Amino acid sequence: MKHRGFTLLELLITIAILAILVTLSFAGNTDLNEKTRAESFMLELKRHITFARAKATTSDEIVILCPVDATKLAANENLTCINNWKNNQIISFIDKNNNGTYEVASDDLLRVMDKLIANDNLKAPDTRLRFDSSGRVVNTNAGQFIYCPLNQTEHAKALTLTVGGTALYNGDSSTGCS
């Protein structure tokens, strides 16, 4: 009489092979996650910069984009731009009195970005981005933003800000964040 099906040994070997394949596929996803996280953040920053520039031109007012203390932001306090893009939240606001700080009573908060993942890093060309009514970057250094997942250069992504206020996503970067 013929038996149909698998023996216990065949089943165990198949399960072992599947376990090895699953382990290998998840090990490769770490790099993919870092690349995806970096690209996603940089594209979100590009949208944020583009929005701030567009708002400056349509409202005919000064718009500032910069990192601020997340605790003060949550408490709805007046905010000063901080030269630390890594550990703070990035906001954009209309600077109605042109003093470079966000004042709850007089300025309009436009957008808020989430903070970076704890071990990631973001290098920026200046403390803040200031767009005038023509959409140009003024009193600010144009240059490159570099995002480094896990503070490493391996999967770094770059975004270039021109003096004209245009944000260009460059993709992979060999420049580090230190």
Protein backbone atom coordinates (compact mmCIF):
# COMPACT_ATOMS: atom_id res chain seq x y z
CA MET A 1 0.00 0.00 0.00
CA LYS A 2 1.39 3.41 -1.02
CA HIS A 3 1.34 6.27 1.45
CA ARG A 4 0.77 9.77 0.22
CA GLY A 5 2.20 12.86 1.94
CA PHE A 6 5.45 13.86 3.56
CA THR A 7 7.53 12.14 6.14
CA LEU A 8 8.35 13.96 9.34
CA LEU A 9 11.97 14.38 8.21
CA GLU A 10 10.93 16.00 4.91
CA LEU A 11 8.61 18.36 6.74
CA LEU A 12 11.33 19.40 9.23
CA ILE A 13 13.85 20.05 6.44
CA THR A 14 11.29 22.21 4.56
CA ILE A 15 10.51 24.24 7.69
CA ALA A 16 14.23 24.75 8.39
CA ILE A 17 14.85 26.00 4.84
CA LEU A 18 11.88 28.39 5.10
CA ALA A 19 13.14 29.70 8.45
CA ILE A 20 16.57 30.41 6.94
CA LEU A 21 15.02 32.24 3.97
CA VAL A 22 12.78 34.35 6.21
CA THR A 23 15.75 35.27 8.43
CA LEU A 24 17.80 36.33 5.42
CA SER A 25 14.98 38.44 4.00
CA PHE A 26 14.47 40.33 7.28
CA ALA A 27 18.21 40.94 7.69
CA GLY A 28 18.26 42.77 4.34
CA ASN A 29 15.28 44.93 5.33
CA THR A 30 17.28 46.92 7.89
CA ASP A 31 19.13 48.73 5.12
CA LEU A 32 15.92 49.15 3.18
CA ASN A 33 14.20 50.68 6.23
CA GLU A 34 17.03 53.18 6.72
CA LYS A 35 17.00 54.18 3.04
CA THR A 36 13.21 54.52 3.02
CA ARG A 37 13.15 56.53 6.26
CA ALA A 38 15.83 58.92 4.97
CA GLU A 39 14.16 59.40 1.60
CA SER A 40 10.74 59.87 3.19
CA PHE A 41 12.03 62.54 5.60
CA MET A 42 13.88 64.45 2.88
CA LEU A 43 10.85 64.46 0.59
CA GLU A 44 8.69 65.69 3.48
CA LEU A 45 11.26 68.44 4.18
CA LYS A 46 11.18 69.36 0.48
CA ARG A 47 7.37 69.65 0.62
CA HIS A 48 7.67 71.75 3.78
CA ILE A 49 10.21 74.11 2.15
CA THR A 50 8.13 74.36 -1.04
CA PHE A 51 5.03 75.17 1.00
CA ALA A 52 6.85 77.86 3.02
CA ARG A 53 8.17 79.45 -0.18
CA ALA A 54 4.74 79.37 -1.83
CA LYS A 55 3.11 80.87 1.28
CA ALA A 56 5.66 83.71 1.30
CA THR A 57 4.85 84.59 -2.30
CA THR A 58 1.07 84.31 -1.98
CA SER A 59 0.80 86.16 1.34
CA ASP A 60 3.46 88.77 0.42
CA GLU A 61 5.01 88.27 3.86
CA ILE A 62 8.18 86.83 5.39
CA VAL A 63 7.96 83.08 6.10
CA ILE A 64 10.53 81.34 8.28
CA LEU A 65 11.24 77.61 8.51
CA CYS A 66 13.43 76.46 11.39
CA PRO A 67 13.87 73.99 14.25
CA VAL A 68 12.37 74.92 17.62
CA ASP A 69 12.17 73.43 21.10
CA ALA A 70 9.41 70.79 21.01
CA THR A 71 8.53 71.35 24.69
CA LYS A 72 7.89 75.07 24.15
CA LEU A 73 5.97 74.30 20.97
CA ALA A 74 3.70 71.88 22.84
CA ALA A 75 3.18 74.48 25.59
CA ASN A 76 2.19 77.08 22.94
CA GLU A 77 4.96 79.50 23.99
CA ASN A 78 6.91 82.02 21.91
CA LEU A 79 9.67 80.24 19.98
CA THR A 80 13.19 81.11 18.89
CA CYS A 81 14.93 79.24 16.09
CA ILE A 82 17.59 76.84 17.40
CA ASN A 83 20.62 75.77 15.40
CA ASN A 84 19.94 72.08 16.06
CA TRP A 85 17.95 70.42 13.30
CA LYS A 86 18.60 66.97 14.79
CA ASN A 87 16.82 67.14 18.15
CA ASN A 88 14.02 69.64 17.58
CA GLN A 89 10.78 69.98 15.65
CA ILE A 90 10.80 71.92 12.42
CA ILE A 91 8.12 74.59 11.98
CA SER A 92 7.20 77.21 9.42
CA PHE A 93 5.50 80.44 10.35
CA ILE A 94 4.60 83.87 8.96
CA ASP A 95 6.87 86.37 10.71
CA LYS A 96 4.51 89.35 10.73
CA ASN A 97 6.76 91.68 12.74
CA ASN A 98 9.95 90.49 10.98
CA ASN A 99 11.89 89.77 14.19
CA GLY A 100 12.84 86.16 13.35
CA THR A 101 10.97 84.57 16.26
CA TYR A 102 7.55 82.95 16.43
CA GLU A 103 5.27 84.91 18.72
CA VAL A 104 2.02 83.17 19.59
CA ALA A 105 0.01 86.39 19.78
CA SER A 106 1.03 87.89 16.44
CA ASP A 107 2.55 85.29 14.07
CA ASP A 108 0.77 82.51 12.16
CA LEU A 109 2.07 78.96 12.63
CA LEU A 110 1.80 77.21 9.27
CA ARG A 111 3.21 73.70 9.59
CA VAL A 112 4.99 71.42 12.05
CA MET A 113 7.14 68.41 11.14
CA ASP A 114 7.79 65.43 13.40
CA LYS A 115 11.12 65.13 15.16
CA LEU A 116 13.82 62.88 13.75
CA ILE A 117 14.23 59.31 14.97
CA ALA A 118 16.55 59.38 18.02
CA ASN A 119 19.77 58.14 16.36
CA ASP A 120 19.30 59.91 13.02
CA ASN A 121 20.97 63.20 12.14
CA LEU A 122 20.20 66.18 9.91
CA LYS A 123 22.83 68.67 8.83
CA ALA A 124 21.48 72.01 7.55
CA PRO A 125 23.10 74.97 5.80
CA ASP A 126 21.91 77.51 8.39
CA THR A 127 19.92 78.03 11.60
CA ARG A 128 16.78 78.97 9.68
CA LEU A 129 15.35 79.47 6.22
CA ARG A 130 13.83 82.89 5.61
CA PHE A 131 11.72 83.42 2.49
CA ASP A 132 10.82 86.92 1.31
CA SER A 133 7.70 87.85 -0.64
CA SER A 134 9.35 86.89 -3.94
CA GLY A 135 10.10 83.37 -2.62
CA ARG A 136 13.85 83.94 -2.47
CA VAL A 137 16.00 82.87 0.46
CA VAL A 138 17.28 85.99 2.26
CA ASN A 139 19.58 86.42 5.27
CA THR A 140 20.13 82.67 5.09
CA ASN A 141 22.80 80.47 3.60
CA ALA A 142 21.56 78.34 0.75
CA GLY A 143 23.15 74.91 0.51
CA GLN A 144 22.57 71.27 1.25
CA PHE A 145 20.55 69.44 3.85
CA ILE A 146 22.05 66.02 4.57
CA TYR A 147 20.05 63.33 6.38
CA CYS A 148 22.03 60.47 7.93
CA PRO A 149 20.07 57.50 9.29
CA LEU A 150 21.70 56.18 12.46
CA ASN A 151 24.16 59.10 12.06
CA GLN A 152 26.03 57.16 9.37
CA THR A 153 26.99 58.21 5.86
CA GLU A 154 26.09 54.86 4.28
CA HIS A 155 22.45 55.71 3.48
CA ALA A 156 22.68 59.51 3.61
CA LYS A 157 20.31 61.53 1.44
CA ALA A 158 20.73 65.12 0.26
CA LEU A 159 18.45 68.02 -0.57
CA THR A 160 19.78 71.27 -2.07
CA LEU A 161 18.25 74.68 -1.38
CA THR A 162 19.02 77.32 -4.00
CA VAL A 163 19.21 81.07 -3.36
CA GLY A 164 16.04 81.33 -5.44
CA GLY A 165 14.27 79.27 -2.76
CA THR A 166 13.87 76.09 -4.77
CA ALA A 167 14.39 72.79 -2.97
CA LEU A 168 15.91 70.01 -5.09
CA TYR A 169 16.00 66.42 -3.84
CA ASN A 170 19.40 64.94 -4.77
CA GLY A 171 18.99 61.40 -3.43
CA ASP A 172 22.07 59.52 -2.24
CA SER A 173 24.91 61.52 -0.74
CA SER A 174 28.46 60.60 0.17
CA THR A 175 28.67 63.59 2.51
CA GLY A 176 28.28 62.83 6.21
CA CYS A 177 26.39 64.73 8.89
CA SER A 178 29.26 65.47 11.27
